[in-house]
Amino acid sequence: MSKIMENAGNLDASIEQLLNAEKHARLAGDVAATRNAVTDILRLCFEARAWKTLNDQIVLLSKRRGQLKQAVTAMVQQAMQYIDETPDLETRIELIKTLNSVSAGKIYVEIERARLIKKLAKIKEEQGLIAEAADLMQEIAVETFGAMAKTEKIAFILEQVRLCLDRQDYVRAQILSRKISTRVFDADVSKEKKKPKEGDNVVEEAPADIPSLPELKRIYYELMIRYYSHKNDYLEICRCYKAIYEIPSVKENPAEWIPILRKICWYLVLSPHDPMQSSLLNSTLEDKNLSEIPNFKLLLKQLVTMEVIRWTTLWDAYKNEFENEKNLGKSLGEKAAEDLRERVIEHNILVVSKYYARITLKRLAELLCLSVQILIILLEKIQEAEKHLSDMVVSKALVAKIDRPMGIVCFQMAKDSNDLLNSWSANLERLLDLVEKSCHQIHKETMVHKAALKVNPNIDVILD
């Protein structure tokens, strides 16, 4: 006990000497001497394992009058190295909170504060306090930090997004994800960095544990897949998988790109028909790698072919593939199976609209294969056909009108009076042209016949 007291007395005496040296250096404006005195005080406390004294000295040194910025920066950086050396979790949290309070509001240690908050949030997450960890991370707006490395900024924002998704705060997750421009992932990393000009902010190097840009790209799109899966936005999920598929490290490994390409195909089929879906569908069909999975190539070809797809035949052929497909560790589910059936019905309605100008609802329901027992549930089948047709008209996928009393669907676009008059005028003009050409041909044949009779009146002229 006496030895401990003696060591404590030696520590206090040493700290007192260094504090006096720090005061003289600070008042004299000697940056190097002040920095050395501050770091020596922290080192003594660390070597003596006096964690409470360390916290007290950090607060004391930061509050001294006219304290130099360089000294505070060196002190925070030095103390951050001791965080992983703390004996227990409580001491570690206390040290992080002390450093956090010291660095709060000081722009010259904003990067260090962001890293401290990230460490504290990780501890909270390990304790199961997801909401507290997410709230801590959202306090920091790293997109405004000019001296932070680009990859570290992206990694920090992605951590914010992940915690929001974990606490099911999807609105805030979307807001945070928009802080990252997808164009940053396409930047050429191989280009040499320009040397900063005089007066420019010097960008710090990212820590070793920060992933590279291609890895961050994959993490970003995997998080966006989680977000869009909550909304059942199949087209956006497909675009995210497409972006992951384009990563060079993924394309080089068939074990990685084959499952991703399968998911691209499934989510393309599940997406409602629109120009973006049609463009992605055609570009995917042109991919040479699709020949490695011929079943899915055939599935996509059926969607671009203007022929009616039999739902029962399609489901029997792809049921096992569909049920075995996983997204985020879960099967696609019954909702996706129902949406797949609706997409097939929509495709069939588009095909029917290409070949028919007018069709009865009964015949339309038969072509869409909406039921097996035609005689028993004919009315329900017609109502279901009408529902799907109405949904497509509302979404502007096609133009149609339903005459419910007559039970007839008209796929022709209604023309206004001006268009109707213009079409009549064009038809009359074409008719008069034909009459004029016919009269001209008749007159020509008559003249040829008369000329032949004048040359030789005894010979009958046969005109071809």
Protein backbone atom coordinates (compact mmCIF):
# COMPACT_ATOMS: atom_id res chain seq x y z
CA MET A 1 0.00 0.00 0.00
CA SER A 2 2.81 2.36 0.90
CA LYS A 3 4.50 1.56 -2.43
CA ILE A 4 1.33 2.48 -4.28
CA MET A 5 1.11 5.75 -2.35
CA GLU A 6 4.75 6.44 -3.14
CA ASN A 7 4.17 5.79 -6.86
CA ALA A 8 1.10 8.05 -6.77
CA GLY A 9 3.16 10.74 -5.08
CA ASN A 10 5.88 10.43 -7.72
CA LEU A 11 3.26 10.61 -10.47
CA ASP A 12 1.69 13.74 -9.00
CA ALA A 13 5.10 15.37 -8.62
CA SER A 14 6.08 14.53 -12.20
CA ILE A 15 2.76 15.82 -13.53
CA GLU A 16 3.17 19.04 -11.54
CA GLN A 17 6.61 19.62 -13.06
CA LEU A 18 5.33 18.96 -16.56
CA LEU A 19 2.35 21.26 -15.99
CA ASN A 20 4.72 24.08 -15.04
CA ALA A 21 6.82 23.38 -18.15
CA GLU A 22 3.65 23.32 -20.28
CA LYS A 23 2.54 26.66 -18.82
CA HIS A 24 5.83 28.39 -19.63
CA ALA A 25 5.87 26.93 -23.16
CA ARG A 26 2.23 27.85 -23.77
CA LEU A 27 2.64 31.45 -22.64
CA ALA A 28 5.78 31.74 -24.75
CA GLY A 29 3.94 30.36 -27.78
CA ASP A 30 6.32 27.44 -28.17
CA VAL A 31 4.15 24.89 -30.04
CA ALA A 32 6.66 22.00 -30.03
CA ALA A 33 7.47 22.30 -26.29
CA THR A 34 3.76 22.57 -25.35
CA ARG A 35 2.91 19.54 -27.45
CA ASN A 36 5.71 17.50 -25.88
CA ALA A 37 4.73 18.48 -22.34
CA VAL A 38 1.08 17.53 -22.93
CA THR A 39 1.89 14.15 -24.49
CA ASP A 40 4.41 13.39 -21.71
CA ILE A 41 1.73 13.97 -19.06
CA LEU A 42 -0.63 11.55 -20.79
CA ARG A 43 2.15 9.00 -21.25
CA LEU A 44 2.99 9.08 -17.54
CA CYS A 45 -0.63 8.53 -16.59
CA PHE A 46 -0.92 5.64 -19.05
CA GLU A 47 2.27 3.95 -17.86
CA ALA A 48 1.07 4.23 -14.26
CA ARG A 49 -2.34 2.87 -15.36
CA ALA A 50 -3.95 5.85 -13.60
CA TRP A 51 -7.04 6.05 -15.82
CA LYS A 52 -8.98 8.48 -13.64
CA THR A 53 -5.96 10.80 -13.47
CA LEU A 54 -5.63 10.50 -17.24
CA ASN A 55 -9.23 11.64 -17.75
CA ASP A 56 -8.80 14.51 -15.27
CA GLN A 57 -5.58 15.69 -16.94
CA ILE A 58 -7.17 15.63 -20.41
CA VAL A 59 -10.02 17.86 -19.22
CA LEU A 60 -7.61 20.13 -17.27
CA LEU A 61 -5.18 20.60 -20.17
CA SER A 62 -7.96 21.32 -22.68
CA LYS A 63 -9.44 24.07 -20.45
CA ARG A 64 -6.22 25.94 -19.73
CA ARG A 65 -6.28 29.56 -20.86
CA GLY A 66 -4.99 30.15 -24.38
CA GLN A 67 -4.34 26.48 -24.97
CA LEU A 68 -2.79 25.89 -28.40
CA LYS A 69 -4.76 24.00 -31.03
CA GLN A 70 -1.76 21.85 -31.92
CA ALA A 71 -1.42 20.77 -28.28
CA VAL A 72 -5.11 19.77 -28.04
CA THR A 73 -4.87 17.85 -31.31
CA ALA A 74 -1.75 15.98 -30.16
CA MET A 75 -3.36 15.26 -26.78
CA VAL A 76 -6.54 13.78 -28.34
CA GLN A 77 -4.57 11.71 -30.85
CA GLN A 78 -2.26 10.41 -28.12
CA ALA A 79 -5.16 9.48 -25.82
CA MET A 80 -7.00 7.68 -28.64
CA GLN A 81 -4.12 5.21 -28.84
CA TYR A 82 -4.80 4.20 -25.22
CA ILE A 83 -8.48 3.31 -25.77
CA ASP A 84 -7.79 -0.30 -26.78
CA GLU A 85 -5.40 -0.70 -23.82
CA THR A 86 -8.03 0.00 -21.15
CA PRO A 87 -8.54 -2.81 -18.61
CA ASP A 88 -12.35 -2.99 -18.80
CA LEU A 89 -15.34 -1.74 -20.78
CA GLU A 90 -16.40 0.85 -18.22
CA THR A 91 -12.96 2.51 -18.26
CA ARG A 92 -12.96 2.48 -22.07
CA ILE A 93 -16.37 4.16 -22.27
CA GLU A 94 -15.32 6.77 -19.71
CA LEU A 95 -12.16 7.62 -21.68
CA ILE A 96 -14.09 7.88 -24.95
CA LYS A 97 -16.69 10.16 -23.36
CA THR A 98 -13.93 12.37 -21.90
CA LEU A 99 -12.22 12.73 -25.28
CA ASN A 100 -15.60 13.31 -26.93
CA SER A 101 -16.43 16.18 -24.56
CA VAL A 102 -12.98 17.72 -25.10
CA SER A 103 -13.20 17.55 -28.90
CA ALA A 104 -16.82 18.73 -29.13
CA GLY A 105 -17.14 21.99 -31.06
CA LYS A 106 -13.48 22.07 -32.13
CA ILE A 107 -13.17 21.89 -35.90
CA TYR A 108 -9.47 21.00 -35.78
CA VAL A 109 -10.24 17.65 -34.07
CA GLU A 110 -13.51 16.88 -35.91
CA ILE A 111 -12.09 13.76 -37.57
CA GLU A 112 -10.90 12.39 -34.23
CA ARG A 113 -14.33 13.08 -32.71
CA ALA A 114 -16.03 11.20 -35.56
CA ARG A 115 -13.78 8.18 -34.94
CA LEU A 116 -14.50 8.34 -31.20
CA ILE A 117 -18.26 8.41 -31.82
CA LYS A 118 -17.91 5.42 -34.15
CA LYS A 119 -16.08 3.45 -31.43
CA LEU A 120 -18.70 4.36 -28.84
CA ALA A 121 -21.55 3.43 -31.21
CA LYS A 122 -19.93 0.04 -31.82
CA ILE A 123 -19.80 -0.60 -28.07
CA LYS A 124 -23.48 0.38 -27.72
CA GLU A 125 -24.40 -1.93 -30.60
CA GLU A 126 -22.56 -4.84 -28.97
CA GLN A 127 -24.59 -4.17 -25.83
CA GLY A 128 -27.78 -4.45 -27.91
CA LEU A 129 -28.59 -0.70 -27.74
CA ILE A 130 -29.18 -0.22 -31.48
CA ALA A 131 -31.29 2.93 -31.10
CA GLU A 132 -28.66 4.66 -28.94
CA ALA A 133 -25.89 3.68 -31.35
CA ALA A 134 -27.87 5.06 -34.31
CA ASP A 135 -28.59 8.34 -32.47
CA LEU A 136 -24.90 8.74 -31.64
CA MET A 137 -23.82 8.23 -35.25
CA GLN A 138 -26.40 10.67 -36.60
CA GLU A 139 -24.89 13.51 -34.56
CA ILE A 140 -21.89 13.62 -36.92
CA ALA A 141 -22.16 15.07 -40.44
CA VAL A 142 -18.94 13.77 -41.98
CA GLU A 143 -19.86 15.02 -45.47
CA THR A 144 -18.75 18.51 -44.32
CA PHE A 145 -15.29 17.32 -43.17
CA GLY A 146 -12.81 18.57 -45.75
CA ALA A 147 -9.75 16.84 -44.31
CA MET A 148 -11.30 13.36 -44.01
CA ALA A 149 -10.47 10.77 -46.69
CA LYS A 150 -13.23 10.04 -49.19
CA THR A 151 -13.36 6.32 -48.39
CA GLU A 152 -13.59 7.02 -44.65
CA LYS A 153 -16.49 9.43 -45.24
CA ILE A 154 -18.36 6.84 -47.29
CA ALA A 155 -17.70 4.10 -44.73
CA PHE A 156 -19.00 6.35 -41.92
CA ILE A 157 -22.22 7.24 -43.79
CA LEU A 158 -22.78 3.58 -44.68
CA GLU A 159 -22.48 2.73 -40.99
CA GLN A 160 -25.14 5.36 -40.27
CA VAL A 161 -27.41 3.83 -42.92
CA ARG A 162 -26.88 0.30 -41.57
CA LEU A 163 -27.79 1.28 -38.02
CA CYS A 164 -30.94 3.05 -39.26
CA LEU A 165 -31.96 -0.08 -41.16
CA ASP A 166 -31.27 -2.20 -38.07
CA ARG A 167 -33.63 -0.02 -36.02
CA GLN A 168 -36.12 -0.06 -38.97
CA ASP A 169 -35.93 3.70 -39.47
CA TYR A 170 -36.30 3.48 -43.24
CA VAL A 171 -37.06 7.16 -43.86
CA ARG A 172 -33.83 8.35 -42.22
CA ALA A 173 -31.90 5.53 -43.92
CA GLN A 174 -33.02 6.84 -47.31
CA ILE A 175 -32.09 10.44 -46.39
CA LEU A 176 -28.61 9.37 -45.27
CA SER A 177 -28.05 7.16 -48.34
CA ARG A 178 -28.65 10.15 -50.62
CA LYS A 179 -25.53 11.80 -49.19
CA ILE A 180 -23.50 9.32 -51.26
CA SER A 181 -23.39 9.89 -55.01
CA THR A 182 -23.12 6.62 -56.93
CA ARG A 183 -20.72 8.32 -59.35
CA VAL A 184 -18.04 8.29 -56.67
CA PHE A 185 -17.79 4.49 -57.01
CA ASP A 186 -16.90 4.82 -60.70
CA ALA A 187 -13.90 7.07 -60.03
CA ASP A 188 -10.57 5.87 -61.40
CA VAL A 189 -8.50 4.88 -58.36
CA SER A 190 -5.38 4.26 -60.45
CA LYS A 191 -4.92 7.96 -61.23
CA GLU A 192 -2.25 9.71 -59.20
CA LYS A 193 -3.47 12.11 -56.58
CA LYS A 194 -2.76 15.76 -57.24
CA LYS A 195 -0.44 17.45 -54.81
CA PRO A 196 -2.37 19.98 -52.69
CA LYS A 197 -1.64 23.61 -53.41
CA GLU A 198 -0.53 26.00 -50.73
CA GLY A 199 -3.49 26.97 -48.58
CA ASP A 200 -5.56 23.88 -49.47
CA ASN A 201 -6.78 21.45 -46.81
CA VAL A 202 -4.54 18.40 -46.53
CA VAL A 203 -6.65 15.25 -46.77
CA GLU A 204 -5.66 12.62 -44.23
CA GLU A 205 -5.03 9.03 -45.19
CA ALA A 206 -7.84 6.64 -44.34
CA PRO A 207 -7.17 4.15 -41.49
CA ALA A 208 -6.13 0.63 -42.44
CA ASP A 209 -9.46 -0.91 -41.41
CA ILE A 210 -11.45 1.18 -43.94
CA PRO A 211 -12.52 -0.93 -46.98
CA SER A 212 -11.47 -0.03 -50.52
CA LEU A 213 -13.80 1.77 -52.94
CA PRO A 214 -15.05 -1.40 -54.75
CA GLU A 215 -15.79 -3.03 -51.38
CA LEU A 216 -17.65 0.09 -50.25
CA LYS A 217 -19.64 0.00 -53.48
CA ARG A 218 -20.78 -3.54 -52.72
CA ILE A 219 -21.66 -2.65 -49.10
CA TYR A 220 -23.65 0.39 -50.32
CA TYR A 221 -25.75 -1.59 -52.79
CA GLU A 222 -26.33 -4.43 -50.31
CA LEU A 223 -27.71 -1.88 -47.86
CA MET A 224 -29.90 -0.38 -50.59
CA ILE A 225 -31.22 -3.89 -51.38
CA ARG A 226 -32.28 -4.13 -47.72
CA TYR A 227 -34.06 -0.78 -48.04
CA TYR A 228 -35.83 -1.56 -51.33
CA SER A 229 -36.78 -5.06 -50.12
CA HIS A 230 -38.79 -3.38 -47.37
CA LYS A 231 -40.67 -1.40 -50.05
CA ASN A 232 -40.94 -4.39 -52.46
CA ASP A 233 -39.46 -2.19 -55.19
CA TYR A 234 -38.33 -5.01 -57.48
CA LEU A 235 -36.90 -2.82 -60.23
CA GLU A 236 -34.60 -0.92 -57.85
CA ILE A 237 -33.48 -4.20 -56.24
CA CYS A 238 -32.64 -5.45 -59.74
CA ARG A 239 -30.61 -2.29 -60.46
CA CYS A 240 -28.69 -2.74 -57.20
CA TYR A 241 -27.81 -6.33 -58.08
CA LYS A 242 -26.84 -5.13 -61.56
CA ALA A 243 -24.41 -2.63 -60.02
CA ILE A 244 -22.89 -5.36 -57.82
CA TYR A 245 -22.63 -7.59 -60.88
CA GLU A 246 -20.57 -4.92 -62.68
CA ILE A 247 -17.86 -4.86 -59.96
CA PRO A 248 -14.67 -6.30 -61.55
CA SER A 249 -13.87 -8.63 -58.63
CA VAL A 250 -17.38 -10.14 -58.90
CA LYS A 251 -17.25 -10.60 -62.68
CA GLU A 252 -13.98 -12.50 -62.43
CA ASN A 253 -15.44 -15.13 -60.09
CA PRO A 254 -18.24 -17.34 -61.55
CA ALA A 255 -19.14 -18.55 -58.05
CA GLU A 256 -20.15 -14.96 -57.24
CA TRP A 257 -21.69 -13.64 -60.46
CA ILE A 258 -23.91 -16.65 -61.26
CA PRO A 259 -26.12 -16.26 -58.12
CA ILE A 260 -26.25 -12.48 -58.65
CA LEU A 261 -27.23 -12.90 -62.32
CA ARG A 262 -30.00 -15.29 -61.27
CA LYS A 263 -31.35 -12.65 -58.87
CA ILE A 264 -31.18 -10.01 -61.63
CA CYS A 265 -33.33 -12.25 -63.83
CA TRP A 266 -35.90 -12.95 -61.13
CA TYR A 267 -36.29 -9.31 -60.13
CA LEU A 268 -36.55 -8.27 -63.78
CA VAL A 269 -39.44 -10.68 -64.20
CA LEU A 270 -41.06 -9.43 -60.98
CA SER A 271 -40.76 -5.74 -61.99
CA PRO A 272 -43.82 -4.04 -63.52
CA HIS A 273 -43.60 -3.27 -67.23
CA ASP A 274 -42.14 0.19 -67.95
CA PRO A 275 -39.39 1.64 -70.21
CA MET A 276 -36.64 1.15 -67.59
CA GLN A 277 -37.62 -2.49 -67.06
CA SER A 278 -37.73 -3.08 -70.80
CA SER A 279 -34.27 -1.52 -71.26
CA LEU A 280 -32.74 -3.63 -68.47
CA LEU A 281 -34.43 -6.73 -69.86
CA ASN A 282 -32.92 -6.27 -73.32
CA SER A 283 -29.45 -5.42 -71.96
CA THR A 284 -29.48 -8.51 -69.73
CA LEU A 285 -30.47 -10.72 -72.66
CA GLU A 286 -27.43 -9.45 -74.57
CA ASP A 287 -25.12 -10.55 -71.73
CA LYS A 288 -22.99 -13.50 -72.86
CA ASN A 289 -22.82 -14.87 -69.31
CA LEU A 290 -26.55 -15.56 -69.45
CA SER A 291 -25.83 -18.61 -71.61
CA GLU A 292 -24.36 -20.24 -68.46
CA ILE A 293 -27.89 -20.36 -67.01
CA PRO A 294 -30.06 -21.33 -70.03
CA ASN A 295 -33.28 -21.70 -68.00
CA PHE A 296 -33.21 -18.03 -67.06
CA LYS A 297 -32.32 -16.98 -70.60
CA LEU A 298 -35.42 -18.84 -71.82
CA LEU A 299 -37.50 -17.15 -69.09
CA LEU A 300 -36.41 -13.66 -70.19
CA LYS A 301 -36.96 -14.53 -73.87
CA GLN A 302 -40.56 -15.42 -73.09
CA LEU A 303 -41.09 -11.92 -71.72
CA VAL A 304 -39.75 -10.16 -74.81
CA THR A 305 -41.64 -12.45 -77.21
CA MET A 306 -45.12 -11.21 -78.10
CA GLU A 307 -46.83 -14.49 -77.31
CA VAL A 308 -49.24 -15.47 -74.54
CA ILE A 309 -47.51 -17.22 -71.60
CA ARG A 310 -49.40 -20.05 -69.91
CA TRP A 311 -49.10 -19.42 -66.19
CA THR A 312 -49.52 -23.06 -65.17
CA THR A 313 -46.80 -24.21 -67.59
CA LEU A 314 -44.41 -21.48 -66.47
CA TRP A 315 -44.97 -22.12 -62.75
CA ASP A 316 -44.50 -25.88 -63.12
CA ALA A 317 -41.19 -25.30 -64.93
CA TYR A 318 -39.75 -22.70 -62.53
CA LYS A 319 -41.45 -23.44 -59.20
CA ASN A 320 -38.44 -25.19 -57.65
CA GLU A 321 -36.02 -22.52 -58.87
CA PHE A 322 -38.26 -19.78 -57.46
CA GLU A 323 -38.70 -21.41 -54.05
CA ASN A 324 -34.96 -22.10 -53.69
CA GLU A 325 -33.95 -18.53 -54.56
CA LYS A 326 -32.73 -16.50 -51.57
CA ASN A 327 -32.55 -12.75 -50.98
CA LEU A 328 -30.86 -11.45 -47.80
CA GLY A 329 -30.91 -15.02 -46.47
CA LYS A 330 -34.68 -15.39 -46.92
CA SER A 331 -36.81 -16.94 -49.66
CA LEU A 332 -38.66 -14.62 -52.04
CA GLY A 333 -41.97 -15.48 -50.32
CA GLU A 334 -45.63 -15.81 -51.23
CA LYS A 335 -45.96 -12.09 -52.00
CA ALA A 336 -43.31 -12.40 -54.72
CA ALA A 337 -45.04 -15.51 -56.12
CA GLU A 338 -48.31 -13.58 -56.37
CA ASP A 339 -46.50 -10.65 -58.00
CA LEU A 340 -44.92 -13.05 -60.51
CA ARG A 341 -48.37 -14.25 -61.51
CA GLU A 342 -49.52 -10.64 -61.92
CA ARG A 343 -46.50 -9.86 -64.13
CA VAL A 344 -47.39 -12.82 -66.39
CA ILE A 345 -50.99 -11.57 -66.61
CA GLU A 346 -49.76 -8.06 -67.47
CA HIS A 347 -47.52 -9.49 -70.20
CA ASN A 348 -50.45 -11.44 -71.64
CA ILE A 349 -52.69 -8.35 -71.64
CA LEU A 350 -50.00 -6.42 -73.55
CA VAL A 351 -49.79 -9.28 -76.08
CA VAL A 352 -53.59 -9.31 -76.50
CA SER A 353 -53.63 -5.52 -76.99
CA LYS A 354 -51.12 -5.93 -79.87
CA TYR A 355 -53.28 -8.44 -81.77
CA TYR A 356 -56.84 -7.34 -80.91
CA ALA A 357 -58.59 -4.02 -81.46
CA ARG A 358 -61.74 -5.25 -79.67
CA ILE A 359 -62.22 -8.38 -77.57
CA THR A 360 -64.86 -9.70 -75.18
CA LEU A 361 -64.03 -9.94 -71.49
CA LYS A 362 -64.91 -13.63 -71.55
CA ARG A 363 -62.40 -14.36 -74.30
CA LEU A 364 -59.80 -12.14 -72.59
CA ALA A 365 -60.20 -14.07 -69.34
CA GLU A 366 -59.69 -17.35 -71.21
CA LEU A 367 -56.52 -16.09 -72.89
CA LEU A 368 -55.13 -14.92 -69.54
CA CYS A 369 -55.65 -18.38 -67.99
CA LEU A 370 -57.13 -16.80 -64.90
CA SER A 371 -58.97 -19.92 -63.83
CA VAL A 372 -59.38 -23.62 -64.55
CA GLN A 373 -63.07 -24.19 -63.81
CA ILE A 374 -64.60 -22.02 -66.49
CA LEU A 375 -68.23 -22.97 -65.95
CA ILE A 376 -68.25 -22.56 -62.16
CA ILE A 377 -66.41 -19.29 -61.60
CA LEU A 378 -66.83 -17.59 -64.96
CA LEU A 379 -68.05 -14.39 -63.33
CA GLU A 380 -65.10 -14.21 -60.91
CA LYS A 381 -62.70 -14.87 -63.79
CA ILE A 382 -64.13 -12.00 -65.82
CA GLN A 383 -63.94 -9.69 -62.78
CA GLU A 384 -60.28 -10.63 -62.22
CA ALA A 385 -59.46 -9.97 -65.88
CA GLU A 386 -61.19 -6.61 -65.59
CA LYS A 387 -59.22 -5.78 -62.41
CA HIS A 388 -55.82 -6.49 -63.98
CA LEU A 389 -56.79 -4.60 -67.13
CA SER A 390 -57.92 -1.59 -65.08
CA ASP A 391 -54.69 -1.58 -63.07
CA MET A 392 -52.62 -1.49 -66.27
CA VAL A 393 -54.72 1.36 -67.68
CA VAL A 394 -54.28 3.34 -64.46
CA SER A 395 -50.50 2.77 -64.55
CA LYS A 396 -50.53 3.90 -68.22
CA ALA A 397 -48.99 0.66 -69.41
CA LEU A 398 -51.64 0.53 -72.18
CA VAL A 399 -54.76 2.30 -73.45
CA ALA A 400 -58.10 0.49 -73.20
CA LYS A 401 -61.81 1.08 -72.64
CA ILE A 402 -64.25 -1.45 -71.16
CA ASP A 403 -67.90 -1.60 -72.22
CA ARG A 404 -69.24 -3.46 -69.20
CA PRO A 405 -72.87 -3.98 -70.38
CA MET A 406 -71.62 -5.47 -73.68
CA GLY A 407 -68.59 -7.12 -72.05
CA ILE A 408 -66.20 -5.78 -74.71
CA VAL A 409 -62.72 -4.31 -74.31
CA CYS A 410 -61.49 -1.81 -76.90
CA PHE A 411 -57.73 -1.32 -77.12
CA GLN A 412 -57.88 1.54 -79.63
CA MET A 413 -56.88 4.98 -78.45
CA ALA A 414 -59.74 7.47 -78.48
CA LYS A 415 -59.22 10.21 -81.06
CA ASP A 416 -60.32 13.78 -80.58
CA SER A 417 -62.31 15.64 -83.25
CA ASN A 418 -59.24 17.26 -84.84
CA ASP A 419 -57.42 13.92 -85.24
CA LEU A 420 -60.58 12.34 -86.65
CA LEU A 421 -61.05 15.12 -89.22
CA ASN A 422 -57.36 14.90 -90.16
CA SER A 423 -57.64 11.14 -90.73
CA TRP A 424 -60.78 11.60 -92.86
CA SER A 425 -59.05 14.32 -94.86
CA ALA A 426 -56.02 12.09 -95.41
CA ASN A 427 -58.23 9.19 -96.49
CA LEU A 428 -60.12 11.38 -98.97
CA GLU A 429 -56.84 12.71 -100.35
CA ARG A 430 -55.54 9.18 -100.89
CA LEU A 431 -58.87 8.21 -102.55
CA LEU A 432 -58.72 11.16 -104.95
CA ASP A 433 -55.10 10.32 -105.79
CA LEU A 434 -56.13 6.79 -106.69
CA VAL A 435 -59.02 8.07 -108.85
CA GLU A 436 -56.70 10.49 -110.62
CA LYS A 437 -54.09 7.79 -111.28
CA SER A 438 -56.78 5.42 -112.54
CA CYS A 439 -58.14 8.08 -114.95
CA HIS A 440 -54.62 8.76 -116.16
CA GLN A 441 -54.00 5.06 -116.85
CA ILE A 442 -57.33 4.72 -118.69
CA HIS A 443 -56.55 7.78 -120.84
CA LYS A 444 -53.05 6.43 -121.59
CA GLU A 445 -54.39 3.02 -122.68
CA THR A 446 -56.99 4.72 -124.92
CA MET A 447 -54.33 6.86 -126.65
CA VAL A 448 -52.10 3.81 -127.25
CA HIS A 449 -55.04 1.87 -128.69
CA LYS A 450 -55.99 4.70 -131.08
CA ALA A 451 -52.40 5.13 -132.28
CA ALA A 452 -52.14 1.40 -133.06
CA LEU A 453 -55.39 1.45 -135.10
CA LYS A 454 -54.14 4.37 -137.19
CA VAL A 455 -50.96 2.51 -138.14
CA ASN A 456 -52.71 -0.72 -139.09
CA PRO A 457 -56.50 -0.61 -138.96
CA ASN A 458 -56.84 -4.31 -139.89
CA ILE A 459 -54.86 -5.66 -136.88
CA ASP A 460 -56.45 -5.93 -133.47
CA VAL A 461 -54.20 -4.52 -130.80
CA ILE A 462 -54.06 -6.57 -127.58
CA LEU A 463 -52.92 -4.55 -124.66
CA ASP A 464 -51.23 -6.21 -121.72
